[in-house]
Amino acid sequence: MRQTARAIPRNHPHIVQTEGVCGGRPRIRDSRIPVRTIAGLYRQGEPVAEILDTYPQLDPAAVDDAIGYYLDHQKEIDAEIEANSLESVLAETGAVLGKNGVIRFPDKP
């Protein structure tokens, strides 16, 4: 089955959504890097130059576009960031983060 990326309308040419890729969430074209990843770094105050150091395969225009998409869809992306936070995932799965940093899942009956 061939997957087709759906371009995001408006002024975000570097952002696409593809069913089955990154959960169908907005991502940077030709990558598997979701907008939420770039938005999370941006929210933490990371300069674009440092984001590009972390993801050197990305075009600077794509990072700028991901930040622009985030700012245009802030409520949606913030909710996505929260849903994918460690705390939310632990709560959803019933897993526990040990003091040693190891995640333990409950025994299944």
PDB file of N, CA and C in Angstrom:
ATOM      1  N   MET A   1       0.845  -1.184   0.000  1.00  0.00           N
ATOM      2  CA  MET A   1       0.000   0.000   0.000  1.00  0.00           C
ATOM      3  C   MET A   1       0.885   1.240   0.000  1.00  0.00           C
ATOM      4  N   ARG A   2       0.681   2.118  -0.917  1.00  0.00           N
ATOM      5  CA  ARG A   2       1.470   3.344  -1.033  1.00  0.00           C
ATOM      6  C   ARG A   2       0.865   4.422  -0.157  1.00  0.00           C
ATOM      7  N   GLN A   3       1.722   5.083   0.599  1.00  0.00           N
ATOM      8  CA  GLN A   3       1.256   6.172   1.451  1.00  0.00           C
ATOM      9  C   GLN A   3       1.465   7.490   0.731  1.00  0.00           C
ATOM     10  N   THR A   4       0.481   8.336   0.828  1.00  0.00           N
ATOM     11  CA  THR A   4       0.559   9.634   0.180  1.00  0.00           C
ATOM     12  C   THR A   4       0.578  10.713   1.239  1.00  0.00           C
ATOM     13  N   ALA A   5       1.593  11.565   1.172  1.00  0.00           N
ATOM     14  CA  ALA A   5       1.689  12.681   2.107  1.00  0.00           C
ATOM     15  C   ALA A   5       0.696  13.749   1.683  1.00  0.00           C
ATOM     16  N   ARG A   6      -0.027  14.237   2.649  1.00  0.00           N
ATOM     17  CA  ARG A   6      -0.975  15.320   2.392  1.00  0.00           C
ATOM     18  C   ARG A   6      -0.311  16.619   2.831  1.00  0.00           C
ATOM     19  N   ALA A   7      -0.109  17.507   1.868  1.00  0.00           N
ATOM     20  CA  ALA A   7       0.506  18.794   2.186  1.00  0.00           C
ATOM     21  C   ALA A   7      -0.422  19.592   3.088  1.00  0.00           C
ATOM     22  N   ILE A   8       0.184  20.316   3.977  1.00  0.00           N
ATOM     23  CA  ILE A   8      -0.567  21.182   4.875  1.00  0.00           C
ATOM     24  C   ILE A   8      -0.859  22.474   4.123  1.00  0.00           C
ATOM     25  N   PRO A   9      -2.122  22.857   4.073  1.00  0.00           N
ATOM     26  CA  PRO A   9      -2.436  24.109   3.374  1.00  0.00           C
ATOM     27  C   PRO A   9      -1.884  25.328   4.106  1.00  0.00           C
ATOM     28  N   ARG A  10      -2.038  26.436   3.519  1.00  0.00           N
ATOM     29  CA  ARG A  10      -1.590  27.723   4.028  1.00  0.00           C
ATOM     30  C   ARG A  10      -0.099  27.876   3.785  1.00  0.00           C
ATOM     31  N   ASN A  11       0.570  28.576   4.614  1.00  0.00           N
ATOM     32  CA  ASN A  11       1.961  28.948   4.357  1.00  0.00           C
ATOM     33  C   ASN A  11       2.955  28.014   5.030  1.00  0.00           C
ATOM     34  N   HIS A  12       2.757  26.707   4.924  1.00  0.00           N
ATOM     35  CA  HIS A  12       3.666  25.750   5.558  1.00  0.00           C
ATOM     36  C   HIS A  12       4.091  24.672   4.559  1.00  0.00           C
ATOM     37  N   PRO A  13       4.900  25.054   3.576  1.00  0.00           N
ATOM     38  CA  PRO A  13       5.269  24.105   2.522  1.00  0.00           C
ATOM     39  C   PRO A  13       6.160  22.958   2.991  1.00  0.00           C
ATOM     40  N   HIS A  14       6.791  23.087   4.145  1.00  0.00           N
ATOM     41  CA  HIS A  14       7.686  22.038   4.640  1.00  0.00           C
ATOM     42  C   HIS A  14       6.992  21.068   5.585  1.00  0.00           C
ATOM     43  N   ILE A  15       5.700  21.254   5.818  1.00  0.00           N
ATOM     44  CA  ILE A  15       4.957  20.435   6.775  1.00  0.00           C
ATOM     45  C   ILE A  15       3.938  19.577   6.020  1.00  0.00           C
ATOM     46  N   VAL A  16       3.930  18.284   6.338  1.00  0.00           N
ATOM     47  CA  VAL A  16       2.988  17.349   5.721  1.00  0.00           C
ATOM     48  C   VAL A  16       2.392  16.448   6.798  1.00  0.00           C
ATOM     49  N   GLN A  17       1.327  15.768   6.424  1.00  0.00           N
ATOM     50  CA  GLN A  17       0.727  14.732   7.253  1.00  0.00           C
ATOM     51  C   GLN A  17       0.527  13.522   6.364  1.00  0.00           C
ATOM     52  N   THR A  18       0.911  12.355   6.853  1.00  0.00           N
ATOM     53  CA  THR A  18       0.763  11.116   6.102  1.00  0.00           C
ATOM     54  C   THR A  18       0.180  10.074   7.038  1.00  0.00           C
ATOM     55  N   GLU A  19      -0.924   9.495   6.630  1.00  0.00           N
ATOM     56  CA  GLU A  19      -1.525   8.441   7.438  1.00  0.00           C
ATOM     57  C   GLU A  19      -0.498   7.331   7.633  1.00  0.00           C
ATOM     58  N   GLY A  20      -0.314   6.911   8.879  1.00  0.00           N
ATOM     59  CA  GLY A  20       0.616   5.836   9.174  1.00  0.00           C
ATOM     60  C   GLY A  20       2.054   6.267   9.404  1.00  0.00           C
ATOM     61  N   VAL A  21       2.351   7.536   9.253  1.00  0.00           N
ATOM     62  CA  VAL A  21       3.699   8.046   9.517  1.00  0.00           C
ATOM     63  C   VAL A  21       3.589   9.047  10.661  1.00  0.00           C
ATOM     64  N   CYS A  22       4.321   8.800  11.717  1.00  0.00           N
ATOM     65  CA  CYS A  22       4.280   9.662  12.913  1.00  0.00           C
ATOM     66  C   CYS A  22       2.852   9.796  13.435  1.00  0.00           C
ATOM     67  N   GLY A  23       2.112   8.708  13.357  1.00  0.00           N
ATOM     68  CA  GLY A  23       0.733   8.729  13.849  1.00  0.00           C
ATOM     69  C   GLY A  23      -0.181   9.643  13.060  1.00  0.00           C
ATOM     70  N   GLY A  24       0.232  10.005  11.851  1.00  0.00           N
ATOM     71  CA  GLY A  24      -0.583  10.892  11.029  1.00  0.00           C
ATOM     72  C   GLY A  24      -0.514  12.343  11.462  1.00  0.00           C
ATOM     73  N   ARG A  25       0.374  12.631  12.390  1.00  0.00           N
ATOM     74  CA  ARG A  25       0.509  13.995  12.906  1.00  0.00           C
ATOM     75  C   ARG A  25       1.400  14.836  11.990  1.00  0.00           C
ATOM     76  N   PRO A  26       1.321  16.161  12.091  1.00  0.00           N
ATOM     77  CA  PRO A  26       2.160  17.017  11.246  1.00  0.00           C
ATOM     78  C   PRO A  26       3.651  16.750  11.488  1.00  0.00           C
ATOM     79  N   ARG A  27       4.392  16.668  10.398  1.00  0.00           N
ATOM     80  CA  ARG A  27       5.821  16.399  10.461  1.00  0.00           C
ATOM     81  C   ARG A  27       6.527  17.190   9.374  1.00  0.00           C
ATOM     82  N   ILE A  28       7.837  17.234   9.468  1.00  0.00           N
ATOM     83  CA  ILE A  28       8.628  17.920   8.451  1.00  0.00           C
ATOM     84  C   ILE A  28       8.724  17.016   7.228  1.00  0.00           C
ATOM     85  N   ARG A  29       8.435  17.587   6.077  1.00  0.00           N
ATOM     86  CA  ARG A  29       8.459  16.853   4.798  1.00  0.00           C
ATOM     87  C   ARG A  29       9.794  16.120   4.643  1.00  0.00           C
ATOM     88  N   ASP A  30       9.736  14.922   4.086  1.00  0.00           N
ATOM     89  CA  ASP A  30      10.914  14.086   3.823  1.00  0.00           C
ATOM     90  C   ASP A  30      11.656  13.686   5.099  1.00  0.00           C
ATOM     91  N   SER A  31      10.938  13.646   6.214  1.00  0.00           N
ATOM     92  CA  SER A  31      11.539  13.199   7.471  1.00  0.00           C
ATOM     93  C   SER A  31      10.454  12.534   8.317  1.00  0.00           C
ATOM     94  N   ARG A  32      10.873  11.987   9.418  1.00  0.00           N
ATOM     95  CA  ARG A  32       9.941  11.444  10.401  1.00  0.00           C
ATOM     96  C   ARG A  32      10.012  12.284  11.670  1.00  0.00           C
ATOM     97  N   ILE A  33      10.350  13.525  11.516  1.00  0.00           N
ATOM     98  CA  ILE A  33      10.451  14.415  12.665  1.00  0.00           C
ATOM     99  C   ILE A  33       9.145  15.189  12.794  1.00  0.00           C
ATOM    100  N   PRO A  34       8.366  14.875  13.859  1.00  0.00           N
ATOM    101  CA  PRO A  34       7.096  15.570  14.029  1.00  0.00           C
ATOM    102  C   PRO A  34       7.306  17.034  14.418  1.00  0.00           C
ATOM    103  N   VAL A  35       6.355  17.849  14.045  1.00  0.00           N
ATOM    104  CA  VAL A  35       6.386  19.260  14.433  1.00  0.00           C
ATOM    105  C   VAL A  35       6.498  19.364  15.953  1.00  0.00           C
ATOM    106  N   ARG A  36       5.836  18.445  16.697  1.00  0.00           N
ATOM    107  CA  ARG A  36       5.870  18.525  18.162  1.00  0.00           C
ATOM    108  C   ARG A  36       7.291  18.434  18.704  1.00  0.00           C
ATOM    109  N   THR A  37       8.178  17.712  18.021  1.00  0.00           N
ATOM    110  CA  THR A  37       9.566  17.599  18.475  1.00  0.00           C
ATOM    111  C   THR A  37      10.263  18.946  18.385  1.00  0.00           C
ATOM    112  N   ILE A  38      10.113  19.600  17.245  1.00  0.00           N
ATOM    113  CA  ILE A  38      10.733  20.921  17.060  1.00  0.00           C
ATOM    114  C   ILE A  38      10.069  21.929  17.994  1.00  0.00           C
ATOM    115  N   ALA A  39       8.752  21.855  18.128  1.00  0.00           N
ATOM    116  CA  ALA A  39       8.025  22.775  19.009  1.00  0.00           C
ATOM    117  C   ALA A  39       8.474  22.609  20.456  1.00  0.00           C
ATOM    118  N   GLY A  40       8.703  21.366  20.881  1.00  0.00           N
ATOM    119  CA  GLY A  40       9.164  21.133  22.247  1.00  0.00           C
ATOM    120  C   GLY A  40      10.503  21.802  22.509  1.00  0.00           C
ATOM    121  N   LEU A  41      11.411  21.687  21.552  1.00  0.00           N
ATOM    122  CA  LEU A  41      12.716  22.347  21.691  1.00  0.00           C
ATOM    123  C   LEU A  41      12.556  23.862  21.699  1.00  0.00           C
ATOM    124  N   TYR A  42      11.711  24.355  20.819  1.00  0.00           N
ATOM    125  CA  TYR A  42      11.439  25.799  20.747  1.00  0.00           C
ATOM    126  C   TYR A  42      10.866  26.304  22.072  1.00  0.00           C
ATOM    127  N   ARG A  43       9.929  25.547  22.644  1.00  0.00           N
ATOM    128  CA  ARG A  43       9.317  25.941  23.921  1.00  0.00           C
ATOM    129  C   ARG A  43      10.335  25.967  25.047  1.00  0.00           C
ATOM    130  N   GLN A  44      11.365  25.135  24.941  1.00  0.00           N
ATOM    131  CA  GLN A  44      12.424  25.099  25.955  1.00  0.00           C
ATOM    132  C   GLN A  44      13.451  26.203  25.756  1.00  0.00           C
ATOM    133  N   GLY A  45      13.275  26.997  24.698  1.00  0.00           N
ATOM    134  CA  GLY A  45      14.180  28.115  24.454  1.00  0.00           C
ATOM    135  C   GLY A  45      15.380  27.780  23.589  1.00  0.00           C
ATOM    136  N   GLU A  46      15.372  26.601  22.944  1.00  0.00           N
ATOM    137  CA  GLU A  46      16.487  26.231  22.073  1.00  0.00           C
ATOM    138  C   GLU A  46      16.537  27.172  20.870  1.00  0.00           C
ATOM    139  N   PRO A  47      17.687  27.769  20.593  1.00  0.00           N
ATOM    140  CA  PRO A  47      17.814  28.580  19.381  1.00  0.00           C
ATOM    141  C   PRO A  47      17.748  27.683  18.139  1.00  0.00           C
ATOM    142  N   VAL A  48      17.304  28.242  17.040  1.00  0.00           N
ATOM    143  CA  VAL A  48      17.208  27.486  15.786  1.00  0.00           C
ATOM    144  C   VAL A  48      18.563  26.870  15.433  1.00  0.00           C
ATOM    145  N   ALA A  49      19.642  27.584  15.670  1.00  0.00           N
ATOM    146  CA  ALA A  49      20.976  27.054  15.354  1.00  0.00           C
ATOM    147  C   ALA A  49      21.251  25.764  16.118  1.00  0.00           C
ATOM    148  N   GLU A  50      20.827  25.677  17.364  1.00  0.00           N
ATOM    149  CA  GLU A  50      21.042  24.454  18.147  1.00  0.00           C
ATOM    150  C   GLU A  50      20.117  23.333  17.681  1.00  0.00           C
ATOM    151  N   ILE A  51      18.904  23.688  17.282  1.00  0.00           N
ATOM    152  CA  ILE A  51      18.000  22.673  16.729  1.00  0.00           C
ATOM    153  C   ILE A  51      18.623  22.087  15.465  1.00  0.00           C
ATOM    154  N   LEU A  52      19.210  22.943  14.644  1.00  0.00           N
ATOM    155  CA  LEU A  52      19.863  22.477  13.416  1.00  0.00           C
ATOM    156  C   LEU A  52      21.114  21.657  13.724  1.00  0.00           C
ATOM    157  N   ASP A  53      21.810  21.953  14.819  1.00  0.00           N
ATOM    158  CA  ASP A  53      22.944  21.124  15.231  1.00  0.00           C
ATOM    159  C   ASP A  53      22.461  19.728  15.626  1.00  0.00           C
ATOM    160  N   THR A  54      21.285  19.670  16.255  1.00  0.00           N
ATOM    161  CA  THR A  54      20.713  18.396  16.670  1.00  0.00           C
ATOM    162  C   THR A  54      20.201  17.620  15.469  1.00  0.00           C
ATOM    163  N   TYR A  55      19.632  18.317  14.495  1.00  0.00           N
ATOM    164  CA  TYR A  55      19.055  17.697  13.300  1.00  0.00           C
ATOM    165  C   TYR A  55      19.712  18.303  12.053  1.00  0.00           C
ATOM    166  N   PRO A  56      20.985  17.997  11.812  1.00  0.00           N
ATOM    167  CA  PRO A  56      21.702  18.633  10.696  1.00  0.00           C
ATOM    168  C   PRO A  56      21.147  18.280   9.320  1.00  0.00           C
ATOM    169  N   GLN A  57      20.340  17.230   9.244  1.00  0.00           N
ATOM    170  CA  GLN A  57      19.760  16.845   7.958  1.00  0.00           C
ATOM    171  C   GLN A  57      18.623  17.773   7.539  1.00  0.00           C
ATOM    172  N   LEU A  58      18.147  18.604   8.455  1.00  0.00           N
ATOM    173  CA  LEU A  58      17.028  19.490   8.147  1.00  0.00           C
ATOM    174  C   LEU A  58      17.497  20.794   7.535  1.00  0.00           C
ATOM    175  N   ASP A  59      16.707  21.283   6.619  1.00  0.00           N
ATOM    176  CA  ASP A  59      16.931  22.591   6.018  1.00  0.00           C
ATOM    177  C   ASP A  59      16.488  23.647   7.036  1.00  0.00           C
ATOM    178  N   PRO A  60      17.229  24.731   7.193  1.00  0.00           N
ATOM    179  CA  PRO A  60      16.811  25.779   8.130  1.00  0.00           C
ATOM    180  C   PRO A  60      15.393  26.284   7.862  1.00  0.00           C
ATOM    181  N   ALA A  61      15.006  26.351   6.595  1.00  0.00           N
ATOM    182  CA  ALA A  61      13.650  26.809   6.263  1.00  0.00           C
ATOM    183  C   ALA A  61      12.599  25.842   6.801  1.00  0.00           C
ATOM    184  N   ALA A  62      12.923  24.556   6.831  1.00  0.00           N
ATOM    185  CA  ALA A  62      11.982  23.567   7.352  1.00  0.00           C
ATOM    186  C   ALA A  62      11.789  23.729   8.858  1.00  0.00           C
ATOM    187  N   VAL A  63      12.878  24.016   9.570  1.00  0.00           N
ATOM    188  CA  VAL A  63      12.777  24.247  11.019  1.00  0.00           C
ATOM    189  C   VAL A  63      11.967  25.509  11.284  1.00  0.00           C
ATOM    190  N   ASP A  64      12.250  26.564  10.544  1.00  0.00           N
ATOM    191  CA  ASP A  64      11.473  27.802  10.692  1.00  0.00           C
ATOM    192  C   ASP A  64       9.997  27.545  10.411  1.00  0.00           C
ATOM    193  N   ASP A  65       9.714  26.737   9.396  1.00  0.00           N
ATOM    194  CA  ASP A  65       8.335  26.429   9.040  1.00  0.00           C
ATOM    195  C   ASP A  65       7.662  25.606  10.136  1.00  0.00           C
ATOM    196  N   ALA A  66       8.396  24.668  10.735  1.00  0.00           N
ATOM    197  CA  ALA A  66       7.832  23.876  11.833  1.00  0.00           C
ATOM    198  C   ALA A  66       7.477  24.775  13.018  1.00  0.00           C
ATOM    199  N   ILE A  67       8.336  25.730  13.311  1.00  0.00           N
ATOM    200  CA  ILE A  67       8.052  26.676  14.397  1.00  0.00           C
ATOM    201  C   ILE A  67       6.848  27.538  14.026  1.00  0.00           C
ATOM    202  N   GLY A  68       6.790  27.985  12.791  1.00  0.00           N
ATOM    203  CA  GLY A  68       5.636  28.770  12.331  1.00  0.00           C
ATOM    204  C   GLY A  68       4.345  27.978  12.409  1.00  0.00           C
ATOM    205  N   TYR A  69       4.411  26.690  12.017  1.00  0.00           N
ATOM    206  CA  TYR A  69       3.226  25.835  12.101  1.00  0.00           C
ATOM    207  C   TYR A  69       2.804  25.700  13.561  1.00  0.00           C
ATOM    208  N   TYR A  70       3.781  25.492  14.429  1.00  0.00           N
ATOM    209  CA  TYR A  70       3.479  25.404  15.863  1.00  0.00           C
ATOM    210  C   TYR A  70       2.776  26.670  16.347  1.00  0.00           C
ATOM    211  N   LEU A  71       3.301  27.816  16.001  1.00  0.00           N
ATOM    212  CA  LEU A  71       2.698  29.073  16.458  1.00  0.00           C
ATOM    213  C   LEU A  71       1.295  29.262  15.897  1.00  0.00           C
ATOM    214  N   ASP A  72       1.052  28.765  14.688  1.00  0.00           N
ATOM    215  CA  ASP A  72      -0.281  28.857  14.087  1.00  0.00           C
ATOM    216  C   ASP A  72      -1.259  27.832  14.656  1.00  0.00           C
ATOM    217  N   HIS A  73      -0.732  26.749  15.243  1.00  0.00           N
ATOM    218  CA  HIS A  73      -1.568  25.655  15.754  1.00  0.00           C
ATOM    219  C   HIS A  73      -1.129  25.292  17.182  1.00  0.00           C
ATOM    220  N   GLN A  74      -0.841  26.301  17.962  1.00  0.00           N
ATOM    221  CA  GLN A  74      -0.227  26.105  19.268  1.00  0.00           C
ATOM    222  C   GLN A  74      -1.055  25.218  20.203  1.00  0.00           C
ATOM    223  N   LYS A  75      -2.341  25.429  20.262  1.00  0.00           N
ATOM    224  CA  LYS A  75      -3.184  24.641  21.164  1.00  0.00           C
ATOM    225  C   LYS A  75      -3.130  23.152  20.794  1.00  0.00           C
ATOM    226  N   GLU A  76      -3.239  22.857  19.511  1.00  0.00           N
ATOM    227  CA  GLU A  76      -3.203  21.474  19.021  1.00  0.00           C
ATOM    228  C   GLU A  76      -1.852  20.814  19.308  1.00  0.00           C
ATOM    229  N   ILE A  77      -0.766  21.509  19.008  1.00  0.00           N
ATOM    230  CA  ILE A  77       0.567  20.935  19.185  1.00  0.00           C
ATOM    231  C   ILE A  77       0.919  20.826  20.666  1.00  0.00           C
ATOM    232  N   ASP A  78       0.514  21.815  21.471  1.00  0.00           N
ATOM    233  CA  ASP A  78       0.747  21.712  22.918  1.00  0.00           C
ATOM    234  C   ASP A  78       0.034  20.488  23.498  1.00  0.00           C
ATOM    235  N   ALA A  79      -1.177  20.216  23.030  1.00  0.00           N
ATOM    236  CA  ALA A  79      -1.915  19.032  23.489  1.00  0.00           C
ATOM    237  C   ALA A  79      -1.186  17.760  23.055  1.00  0.00           C
ATOM    238  N   GLU A  80      -0.634  17.765  21.870  1.00  0.00           N
ATOM    239  CA  GLU A  80       0.120  16.614  21.368  1.00  0.00           C
ATOM    240  C   GLU A  80       1.397  16.395  22.195  1.00  0.00           C
ATOM    241  N   ILE A  81       2.072  17.495  22.524  1.00  0.00           N
ATOM    242  CA  ILE A  81       3.275  17.402  23.359  1.00  0.00           C
ATOM    243  C   ILE A  81       2.915  16.814  24.719  1.00  0.00           C
ATOM    244  N   GLU A  82       1.838  17.291  25.317  1.00  0.00           N
ATOM    245  CA  GLU A  82       1.401  16.788  26.622  1.00  0.00           C
ATOM    246  C   GLU A  82       1.037  15.311  26.533  1.00  0.00           C
ATOM    247  N   ALA A  83       0.317  14.916  25.507  1.00  0.00           N
ATOM    248  CA  ALA A  83      -0.102  13.519  25.357  1.00  0.00           C
ATOM    249  C   ALA A  83       1.084  12.585  25.182  1.00  0.00           C
ATOM    250  N   ASN A  84       2.183  13.091  24.663  1.00  0.00           N
ATOM    251  CA  ASN A  84       3.371  12.277  24.435  1.00  0.00           C
ATOM    252  C   ASN A  84       4.437  12.468  25.512  1.00  0.00           C
ATOM    253  N   SER A  85       4.101  13.194  26.572  1.00  0.00           N
ATOM    254  CA  SER A  85       5.068  13.392  27.651  1.00  0.00           C
ATOM    255  C   SER A  85       5.278  12.079  28.397  1.00  0.00           C
ATOM    256  N   LEU A  86       6.397  11.948  29.043  1.00  0.00           N
ATOM    257  CA  LEU A  86       6.707  10.741  29.802  1.00  0.00           C
ATOM    258  C   LEU A  86       5.633  10.466  30.846  1.00  0.00           C
ATOM    259  N   GLU A  87       5.220  11.496  31.554  1.00  0.00           N
ATOM    260  CA  GLU A  87       4.213  11.325  32.599  1.00  0.00           C
ATOM    261  C   GLU A  87       2.904  10.786  32.036  1.00  0.00           C
ATOM    262  N   SER A  88       2.471  11.324  30.904  1.00  0.00           N
ATOM    263  CA  SER A  88       1.221  10.881  30.286  1.00  0.00           C
ATOM    264  C   SER A  88       1.317   9.445  29.799  1.00  0.00           C
ATOM    265  N   VAL A  89       2.439   9.106  29.189  1.00  0.00           N
ATOM    266  CA  VAL A  89       2.610   7.747  28.682  1.00  0.00           C
ATOM    267  C   VAL A  89       2.676   6.754  29.842  1.00  0.00           C
ATOM    268  N   LEU A  90       3.369   7.117  30.909  1.00  0.00           N
ATOM    269  CA  LEU A  90       3.417   6.238  32.081  1.00  0.00           C
ATOM    270  C   LEU A  90       2.020   6.028  32.653  1.00  0.00           C
ATOM    271  N   ALA A  91       1.257   7.105  32.781  1.00  0.00           N
ATOM    272  CA  ALA A  91      -0.095   7.003  33.319  1.00  0.00           C
ATOM    273  C   ALA A  91      -0.985   6.154  32.416  1.00  0.00           C
ATOM    274  N   GLU A  92      -0.850   6.318  31.115  1.00  0.00           N
ATOM    275  CA  GLU A  92      -1.679   5.581  30.164  1.00  0.00           C
ATOM    276  C   GLU A  92      -1.363   4.082  30.169  1.00  0.00           C
ATOM    277  N   THR A  93      -0.094   3.750  30.334  1.00  0.00           N
ATOM    278  CA  THR A  93       0.315   2.347  30.267  1.00  0.00           C
ATOM    279  C   THR A  93       0.359   1.665  31.629  1.00  0.00           C
ATOM    280  N   GLY A  94       0.305   2.460  32.694  1.00  0.00           N
ATOM    281  CA  GLY A  94       0.420   1.892  34.033  1.00  0.00           C
ATOM    282  C   GLY A  94       1.857   1.576  34.410  1.00  0.00           C
ATOM    283  N   ALA A  95       2.809   2.032  33.611  1.00  0.00           N
ATOM    284  CA  ALA A  95       4.224   1.788  33.883  1.00  0.00           C
ATOM    285  C   ALA A  95       4.720   2.727  34.973  1.00  0.00           C
ATOM    286  N   VAL A  96       5.881   2.366  35.537  1.00  0.00           N
ATOM    287  CA  VAL A  96       6.470   3.153  36.617  1.00  0.00           C
ATOM    288  C   VAL A  96       7.928   3.425  36.264  1.00  0.00           C
ATOM    289  N   LEU A  97       8.361   4.661  36.509  1.00  0.00           N
ATOM    290  CA  LEU A  97       9.760   5.026  36.310  1.00  0.00           C
ATOM    291  C   LEU A  97      10.480   4.828  37.628  1.00  0.00           C
ATOM    292  N   GLY A  98      11.426   3.892  37.651  1.00  0.00           N
ATOM    293  CA  GLY A  98      12.180   3.615  38.860  1.00  0.00           C
ATOM    294  C   GLY A  98      13.212   4.688  39.140  1.00  0.00           C
ATOM    295  N   LYS A  99      13.737   4.684  40.358  1.00  0.00           N
ATOM    296  CA  LYS A  99      14.767   5.665  40.759  1.00  0.00           C
ATOM    297  C   LYS A  99      16.027   5.540  39.913  1.00  0.00           C
ATOM    298  N   ASN A 100      16.245   4.348  39.363  1.00  0.00           N
ATOM    299  CA  ASN A 100      17.415   4.119  38.515  1.00  0.00           C
ATOM    300  C   ASN A 100      17.185   4.530  37.060  1.00  0.00           C
ATOM    301  N   GLY A 101      15.999   5.073  36.772  1.00  0.00           N
ATOM    302  CA  GLY A 101      15.688   5.524  35.419  1.00  0.00           C
ATOM    303  C   GLY A 101      15.135   4.451  34.506  1.00  0.00           C
ATOM    304  N   VAL A 102      14.898   3.278  35.051  1.00  0.00           N
ATOM    305  CA  VAL A 102      14.359   2.167  34.261  1.00  0.00           C
ATOM    306  C   VAL A 102      12.845   2.166  34.354  1.00  0.00           C
ATOM    307  N   ILE A 103      12.191   2.050  33.214  1.00  0.00           N
ATOM    308  CA  ILE A 103      10.727   1.981  33.180  1.00  0.00           C
ATOM    309  C   ILE A 103      10.320   0.534  33.352  1.00  0.00           C
ATOM    310  N   ARG A 104       9.412   0.311  34.290  1.00  0.00           N
ATOM    311  CA  ARG A 104       8.900  -1.033  34.547  1.00  0.00           C
ATOM    312  C   ARG A 104       7.404  -1.065  34.253  1.00  0.00           C
ATOM    313  N   PHE A 105       7.016  -2.108  33.523  1.00  0.00           N
ATOM    314  CA  PHE A 105       5.610  -2.296  33.193  1.00  0.00           C
ATOM    315  C   PHE A 105       5.007  -3.294  34.169  1.00  0.00           C
ATOM    316  N   PRO A 106       3.722  -3.117  34.474  1.00  0.00           N
ATOM    317  CA  PRO A 106       3.088  -4.026  35.425  1.00  0.00           C
ATOM    318  C   PRO A 106       3.048  -5.445  34.865  1.00  0.00           C
ATOM    319  N   ASP A 107       3.127  -6.403  35.776  1.00  0.00           N
ATOM    320  CA  ASP A 107       3.001  -7.802  35.357  1.00  0.00           C
ATOM    321  C   ASP A 107       1.598  -8.026  34.833  1.00  0.00           C
ATOM    322  N   LYS A 108       1.522  -8.765  33.752  1.00  0.00           N
ATOM    323  CA  LYS A 108       0.201  -9.068  33.182  1.00  0.00           C
ATOM    324  C   LYS A 108      -0.255 -10.419  33.724  1.00  0.00           C
ATOM    325  N   PRO A 109      -1.521 -10.493  34.145  1.00  0.00           N
ATOM    326  CA  PRO A 109      -2.019 -11.749  34.703  1.00  0.00           C
ATOM    327  C   PRO A 109      -2.087 -12.838  33.662  1.00  0.00           C
TER     328      PRO A 109
END
